[in-house]
Amino acid sequence: MTRRYTKGWRHAISIRIGQNMQVFGNVATAPERKVSKSTGRGHFEFRLAESQRGVDTEPTWYTVRVMKDHNPKLDKGAFVKVTGKLKTDFYLSREGKPTGTLLILAFEATKLAKPAAQATEPARQEQED
């Protein structure tokens, strides 16, 4: 099933719901461990901002649910690759308006790069030795 999401008046996003996808972006919130009420299994959840180059300067926001019960060890601000299935989560806001979020049921969330300050620190220690 393909759904079309309009983000403002500038563009629309066409997404195939339920298909595997990869997203590259920055971790916006620290991963938090949660437990499913129905199955009792643990998982980690965080928000991800995927920024696009070009005309669109607004990021696309996702809620990422890593379906493994071990800490993905991702820090806020880390650049990551997330692989999983895209779902939509619709609910009523506090004001009573229908709203929704894009949810990725992830089976992989991998940190791709270290911040520049941390990456150069081991090299400096090797030069001093």
N, C-alpha and C. Protein backbone atom coordinates (compact mmCIF):
# COMPACT_ATOMS: atom_id res chain seq x y z
N MET A 1 0.84 -1.16 0.00
CA MET A 1 0.00 0.00 0.00
C MET A 1 0.89 1.24 0.00
N THR A 2 0.64 2.18 -0.89
CA THR A 2 1.39 3.42 -0.94
C THR A 2 0.53 4.53 -0.37
N ARG A 3 1.10 5.28 0.56
CA ARG A 3 0.39 6.43 1.11
C ARG A 3 1.17 7.68 0.77
N ARG A 4 0.49 8.77 0.65
CA ARG A 4 1.12 10.03 0.30
C ARG A 4 0.96 10.98 1.48
N TYR A 5 2.09 11.49 1.97
CA TYR A 5 2.09 12.41 3.10
C TYR A 5 2.50 13.78 2.60
N THR A 6 1.72 14.77 2.91
CA THR A 6 2.07 16.13 2.52
C THR A 6 2.68 16.82 3.71
N LYS A 7 3.85 17.39 3.50
CA LYS A 7 4.56 18.11 4.53
C LYS A 7 4.61 19.56 4.10
N GLY A 8 3.64 20.35 4.55
CA GLY A 8 3.58 21.73 4.11
C GLY A 8 3.11 21.80 2.67
N TRP A 9 3.31 22.92 2.04
CA TRP A 9 2.85 23.09 0.66
C TRP A 9 3.95 22.83 -0.35
N ARG A 10 5.19 22.64 0.10
CA ARG A 10 6.31 22.51 -0.82
C ARG A 10 6.45 21.15 -1.48
N HIS A 11 6.20 20.08 -0.74
CA HIS A 11 6.45 18.77 -1.31
C HIS A 11 5.57 17.72 -0.65
N ALA A 12 5.58 16.56 -1.22
CA ALA A 12 4.87 15.41 -0.65
C ALA A 12 5.82 14.23 -0.65
N ILE A 13 5.61 13.32 0.28
CA ILE A 13 6.43 12.13 0.40
C ILE A 13 5.57 10.93 0.03
N SER A 14 6.02 10.14 -0.92
CA SER A 14 5.32 8.89 -1.24
C SER A 14 6.10 7.75 -0.62
N ILE A 15 5.44 6.98 0.20
CA ILE A 15 6.10 5.91 0.95
C ILE A 15 5.31 4.62 0.78
N ARG A 16 6.03 3.55 0.60
CA ARG A 16 5.39 2.24 0.53
C ARG A 16 5.39 1.66 1.94
N ILE A 17 4.23 1.63 2.56
CA ILE A 17 4.09 1.17 3.94
C ILE A 17 4.34 -0.34 4.01
N GLY A 18 5.10 -0.76 5.02
CA GLY A 18 5.35 -2.18 5.25
C GLY A 18 6.55 -2.73 4.50
N GLN A 19 7.21 -1.94 3.69
CA GLN A 19 8.39 -2.38 2.96
C GLN A 19 9.65 -2.09 3.77
N ASN A 20 10.69 -2.91 3.58
CA ASN A 20 11.97 -2.63 4.23
C ASN A 20 12.55 -1.36 3.64
N MET A 21 13.17 -0.58 4.50
CA MET A 21 13.78 0.67 4.04
C MET A 21 15.00 0.98 4.89
N GLN A 22 15.84 1.86 4.38
CA GLN A 22 16.99 2.36 5.12
C GLN A 22 16.86 3.86 5.23
N VAL A 23 17.17 4.37 6.41
CA VAL A 23 17.14 5.80 6.67
C VAL A 23 18.48 6.18 7.29
N PHE A 24 19.04 7.28 6.82
CA PHE A 24 20.27 7.82 7.38
C PHE A 24 19.91 9.15 8.04
N GLY A 25 20.28 9.32 9.31
CA GLY A 25 19.94 10.56 10.00
C GLY A 25 20.63 10.65 11.35
N ASN A 26 20.21 11.66 12.11
CA ASN A 26 20.80 11.92 13.42
C ASN A 26 19.82 11.55 14.53
N VAL A 27 20.36 10.92 15.57
CA VAL A 27 19.57 10.55 16.74
C VAL A 27 19.19 11.84 17.47
N ALA A 28 17.89 12.05 17.68
CA ALA A 28 17.42 13.29 18.32
C ALA A 28 17.14 13.11 19.81
N THR A 29 16.83 11.90 20.24
CA THR A 29 16.61 11.62 21.66
C THR A 29 17.39 10.36 22.03
N ALA A 30 17.83 10.29 23.26
CA ALA A 30 18.57 9.11 23.71
C ALA A 30 17.64 7.89 23.68
N PRO A 31 18.14 6.73 23.23
CA PRO A 31 17.30 5.53 23.22
C PRO A 31 16.80 5.19 24.62
N GLU A 32 15.51 4.90 24.70
CA GLU A 32 14.86 4.60 25.97
C GLU A 32 14.29 3.19 25.91
N ARG A 33 14.56 2.39 26.96
CA ARG A 33 14.05 1.02 26.99
C ARG A 33 12.58 1.04 27.37
N LYS A 34 11.78 0.30 26.62
CA LYS A 34 10.35 0.16 26.89
C LYS A 34 9.99 -1.31 26.83
N VAL A 35 8.84 -1.65 27.43
CA VAL A 35 8.37 -3.03 27.44
C VAL A 35 6.99 -3.07 26.79
N SER A 36 6.81 -4.00 25.87
CA SER A 36 5.53 -4.16 25.19
C SER A 36 4.49 -4.67 26.19
N LYS A 37 3.31 -4.04 26.20
CA LYS A 37 2.25 -4.47 27.11
C LYS A 37 1.65 -5.80 26.68
N SER A 38 1.65 -6.07 25.38
CA SER A 38 1.01 -7.30 24.90
C SER A 38 1.93 -8.53 24.99
N THR A 39 3.22 -8.36 24.69
CA THR A 39 4.12 -9.52 24.66
C THR A 39 5.06 -9.57 25.86
N GLY A 40 5.27 -8.45 26.52
CA GLY A 40 6.20 -8.40 27.64
C GLY A 40 7.66 -8.32 27.23
N ARG A 41 7.92 -8.20 25.93
CA ARG A 41 9.29 -8.10 25.42
C ARG A 41 9.79 -6.65 25.50
N GLY A 42 11.09 -6.53 25.73
CA GLY A 42 11.70 -5.22 25.78
C GLY A 42 12.18 -4.76 24.42
N HIS A 43 12.21 -3.44 24.21
CA HIS A 43 12.75 -2.84 23.00
C HIS A 43 13.24 -1.44 23.34
N PHE A 44 13.99 -0.84 22.44
CA PHE A 44 14.48 0.52 22.63
C PHE A 44 13.86 1.43 21.60
N GLU A 45 13.57 2.66 22.01
CA GLU A 45 12.88 3.60 21.14
C GLU A 45 13.58 4.97 21.20
N PHE A 46 13.69 5.62 20.04
CA PHE A 46 14.27 6.97 19.98
C PHE A 46 13.71 7.70 18.76
N ARG A 47 13.92 9.01 18.71
CA ARG A 47 13.49 9.83 17.58
C ARG A 47 14.69 10.06 16.67
N LEU A 48 14.42 10.11 15.36
CA LEU A 48 15.45 10.26 14.35
C LEU A 48 15.06 11.38 13.39
N ALA A 49 16.00 12.24 13.08
CA ALA A 49 15.79 13.32 12.11
C ALA A 49 16.58 13.00 10.85
N GLU A 50 15.86 12.83 9.74
CA GLU A 50 16.51 12.58 8.45
C GLU A 50 16.47 13.89 7.67
N SER A 51 17.64 14.46 7.40
CA SER A 51 17.68 15.71 6.66
C SER A 51 17.98 15.43 5.20
N GLN A 52 17.38 16.22 4.35
CA GLN A 52 17.54 16.07 2.91
C GLN A 52 18.36 17.23 2.37
N ARG A 53 19.07 16.97 1.32
CA ARG A 53 19.77 18.06 0.63
C ARG A 53 18.88 18.56 -0.48
N GLY A 54 19.06 19.81 -0.86
CA GLY A 54 18.29 20.35 -1.96
C GLY A 54 17.30 21.40 -1.50
N VAL A 55 16.15 21.43 -2.14
CA VAL A 55 15.15 22.46 -1.88
C VAL A 55 14.58 22.36 -0.48
N ASP A 56 14.29 21.13 -0.03
CA ASP A 56 13.67 20.93 1.27
C ASP A 56 14.71 21.03 2.38
N THR A 57 14.53 21.97 3.29
CA THR A 57 15.47 22.12 4.39
C THR A 57 14.90 21.58 5.71
N GLU A 58 13.63 21.20 5.73
CA GLU A 58 13.01 20.66 6.93
C GLU A 58 13.29 19.15 7.03
N PRO A 59 13.68 18.65 8.21
CA PRO A 59 13.94 17.22 8.34
C PRO A 59 12.65 16.40 8.37
N THR A 60 12.76 15.14 8.03
CA THR A 60 11.67 14.19 8.20
C THR A 60 11.92 13.48 9.52
N TRP A 61 10.91 13.46 10.38
CA TRP A 61 11.05 12.87 11.72
C TRP A 61 10.46 11.48 11.76
N TYR A 62 11.17 10.56 12.39
CA TYR A 62 10.71 9.19 12.57
C TYR A 62 10.83 8.82 14.05
N THR A 63 9.95 7.95 14.51
CA THR A 63 10.14 7.26 15.78
C THR A 63 10.70 5.90 15.41
N VAL A 64 11.85 5.55 15.98
CA VAL A 64 12.51 4.28 15.66
C VAL A 64 12.36 3.36 16.86
N ARG A 65 11.85 2.16 16.60
CA ARG A 65 11.68 1.14 17.63
C ARG A 65 12.58 -0.03 17.28
N VAL A 66 13.71 -0.15 18.00
CA VAL A 66 14.66 -1.24 17.76
C VAL A 66 14.13 -2.45 18.51
N MET A 67 13.78 -3.49 17.76
CA MET A 67 13.06 -4.63 18.32
C MET A 67 13.97 -5.68 18.96
N LYS A 68 15.08 -5.25 19.53
CA LYS A 68 15.99 -6.13 20.25
C LYS A 68 16.11 -5.61 21.67
N ASP A 69 16.24 -6.52 22.62
CA ASP A 69 16.29 -6.09 24.02
C ASP A 69 17.73 -5.91 24.50
N HIS A 70 18.55 -5.31 23.67
CA HIS A 70 19.87 -4.90 24.13
C HIS A 70 20.10 -3.46 23.66
N ASN A 71 20.80 -2.72 24.50
CA ASN A 71 21.00 -1.29 24.26
C ASN A 71 21.77 -1.08 22.96
N PRO A 72 21.22 -0.27 22.03
CA PRO A 72 21.94 -0.01 20.78
C PRO A 72 23.16 0.90 20.96
N LYS A 73 23.33 1.47 22.15
CA LYS A 73 24.48 2.33 22.47
C LYS A 73 24.63 3.48 21.47
N LEU A 74 23.54 4.20 21.27
CA LEU A 74 23.56 5.37 20.39
C LEU A 74 23.41 6.61 21.24
N ASP A 75 24.22 7.60 20.95
CA ASP A 75 24.16 8.86 21.67
C ASP A 75 23.33 9.87 20.89
N LYS A 76 22.78 10.83 21.61
CA LYS A 76 22.05 11.90 20.97
C LYS A 76 23.00 12.65 20.04
N GLY A 77 22.59 12.87 18.80
CA GLY A 77 23.41 13.56 17.82
C GLY A 77 24.21 12.63 16.92
N ALA A 78 24.27 11.34 17.24
CA ALA A 78 25.04 10.39 16.44
C ALA A 78 24.40 10.22 15.06
N PHE A 79 25.25 10.06 14.04
CA PHE A 79 24.77 9.80 12.68
C PHE A 79 24.62 8.30 12.53
N VAL A 80 23.42 7.84 12.18
CA VAL A 80 23.13 6.41 12.16
C VAL A 80 22.46 5.97 10.86
N LYS A 81 22.55 4.66 10.62
CA LYS A 81 21.80 4.01 9.54
C LYS A 81 20.79 3.10 10.22
N VAL A 82 19.51 3.26 9.87
CA VAL A 82 18.44 2.45 10.44
C VAL A 82 17.81 1.64 9.31
N THR A 83 17.67 0.33 9.51
CA THR A 83 17.02 -0.54 8.54
C THR A 83 15.83 -1.20 9.22
N GLY A 84 14.67 -1.14 8.56
CA GLY A 84 13.49 -1.75 9.14
C GLY A 84 12.26 -1.53 8.28
N LYS A 85 11.10 -1.80 8.87
CA LYS A 85 9.83 -1.64 8.17
C LYS A 85 9.15 -0.36 8.62
N LEU A 86 8.59 0.35 7.65
CA LEU A 86 7.91 1.60 7.93
C LEU A 86 6.44 1.35 8.25
N LYS A 87 5.98 1.95 9.32
CA LYS A 87 4.57 1.89 9.72
C LYS A 87 4.09 3.30 10.02
N THR A 88 2.79 3.47 10.05
CA THR A 88 2.22 4.75 10.47
C THR A 88 1.50 4.54 11.79
N ASP A 89 1.59 5.51 12.67
CA ASP A 89 0.95 5.45 13.97
C ASP A 89 0.04 6.66 14.10
N PHE A 90 -1.26 6.44 14.03
CA PHE A 90 -2.23 7.54 14.11
C PHE A 90 -2.86 7.57 15.50
N TYR A 91 -3.09 8.78 16.01
CA TYR A 91 -3.70 8.95 17.33
C TYR A 91 -4.30 10.35 17.41
N LEU A 92 -5.04 10.63 18.51
CA LEU A 92 -5.60 11.95 18.75
C LEU A 92 -4.62 12.74 19.62
N SER A 93 -4.35 13.98 19.24
CA SER A 93 -3.45 14.83 20.01
C SER A 93 -4.14 15.30 21.29
N ARG A 94 -3.41 16.01 22.12
CA ARG A 94 -3.98 16.55 23.35
C ARG A 94 -5.13 17.51 23.07
N GLU A 95 -5.06 18.16 21.92
CA GLU A 95 -6.12 19.09 21.53
C GLU A 95 -7.30 18.38 20.89
N GLY A 96 -7.20 17.05 20.72
CA GLY A 96 -8.27 16.27 20.13
C GLY A 96 -8.24 16.18 18.62
N LYS A 97 -7.14 16.65 18.01
CA LYS A 97 -7.00 16.59 16.56
C LYS A 97 -6.32 15.30 16.15
N PRO A 98 -6.78 14.67 15.06
CA PRO A 98 -6.09 13.47 14.60
C PRO A 98 -4.70 13.83 14.06
N THR A 99 -3.73 13.05 14.45
CA THR A 99 -2.35 13.28 14.02
C THR A 99 -1.65 11.93 13.91
N GLY A 100 -0.44 11.92 13.44
CA GLY A 100 0.26 10.65 13.29
C GLY A 100 1.76 10.84 13.23
N THR A 101 2.46 9.74 13.37
CA THR A 101 3.91 9.75 13.25
C THR A 101 4.33 8.61 12.33
N LEU A 102 5.52 8.75 11.78
CA LEU A 102 6.13 7.68 10.99
C LEU A 102 6.96 6.84 11.95
N LEU A 103 6.71 5.55 11.98
CA LEU A 103 7.35 4.62 12.89
C LEU A 103 8.15 3.61 12.09
N ILE A 104 9.41 3.42 12.46
CA ILE A 104 10.24 2.40 11.83
C ILE A 104 10.44 1.28 12.84
N LEU A 105 9.96 0.07 12.50
CA LEU A 105 10.23 -1.11 13.31
C LEU A 105 11.57 -1.65 12.84
N ALA A 106 12.62 -1.29 13.56
CA ALA A 106 13.98 -1.53 13.09
C ALA A 106 14.55 -2.85 13.57
N PHE A 107 15.25 -3.53 12.69
CA PHE A 107 16.02 -4.69 13.09
C PHE A 107 17.51 -4.37 13.08
N GLU A 108 17.86 -3.14 12.68
CA GLU A 108 19.26 -2.70 12.72
C GLU A 108 19.30 -1.19 12.89
N ALA A 109 20.14 -0.73 13.83
CA ALA A 109 20.42 0.68 14.01
C ALA A 109 21.92 0.78 14.29
N THR A 110 22.67 1.27 13.32
CA THR A 110 24.13 1.26 13.39
C THR A 110 24.69 2.67 13.35
N LYS A 111 25.58 2.95 14.28
CA LYS A 111 26.27 4.24 14.30
C LYS A 111 27.31 4.23 13.18
N LEU A 112 27.34 5.29 12.37
CA LEU A 112 28.23 5.31 11.21
C LEU A 112 29.52 6.10 11.42
N ALA A 113 29.47 7.15 12.21
CA ALA A 113 30.67 7.98 12.35
C ALA A 113 30.76 8.52 13.76
N LYS A 114 31.99 8.72 14.21
CA LYS A 114 32.21 9.34 15.51
C LYS A 114 32.31 10.84 15.32
N PRO A 115 31.96 11.63 16.35
CA PRO A 115 32.19 13.07 16.26
C PRO A 115 33.67 13.35 16.02
N ALA A 116 33.99 14.42 15.35
CA ALA A 116 35.36 14.73 14.95
C ALA A 116 36.32 14.79 16.14
N ALA A 117 35.90 15.34 17.27
CA ALA A 117 36.77 15.46 18.44
C ALA A 117 37.16 14.08 18.98
N GLN A 118 36.23 13.14 19.02
CA GLN A 118 36.52 11.80 19.51
C GLN A 118 37.36 11.00 18.52
N ALA A 119 37.16 11.21 17.24
CA ALA A 119 37.88 10.45 16.22
C ALA A 119 39.36 10.81 16.19
N THR A 120 39.71 12.05 16.48
CA THR A 120 41.11 12.47 16.42
C THR A 120 41.85 12.19 17.72
N GLU A 121 41.14 11.98 18.82
CA GLU A 121 41.78 11.76 20.10
C GLU A 121 42.67 10.51 20.14
N PRO A 122 42.22 9.33 19.68
CA PRO A 122 43.12 8.15 19.69
C PRO A 122 44.36 8.35 18.81
N ALA A 123 44.22 9.06 17.71
CA ALA A 123 45.37 9.30 16.83
C ALA A 123 46.42 10.14 17.56
N ARG A 124 45.98 11.10 18.35
CA ARG A 124 46.92 11.93 19.11
C ARG A 124 47.65 11.09 20.15
N GLN A 125 46.93 10.17 20.81
CA GLN A 125 47.56 9.33 21.83
C GLN A 125 48.62 8.42 21.19
N GLU A 126 48.36 7.91 19.99
CA GLU A 126 49.33 7.05 19.31
C GLU A 126 50.58 7.83 18.94
N GLN A 127 50.42 9.10 18.54
CA GLN A 127 51.57 9.92 18.16
C GLN A 127 52.44 10.23 19.37
N GLU A 128 51.82 10.39 20.56
CA GLU A 128 52.58 10.71 21.76
C GLU A 128 53.41 9.53 22.23
N ASP A 129 52.92 8.29 21.97
CA ASP A 129 53.63 7.08 22.43
C ASP A 129 54.85 6.81 21.64
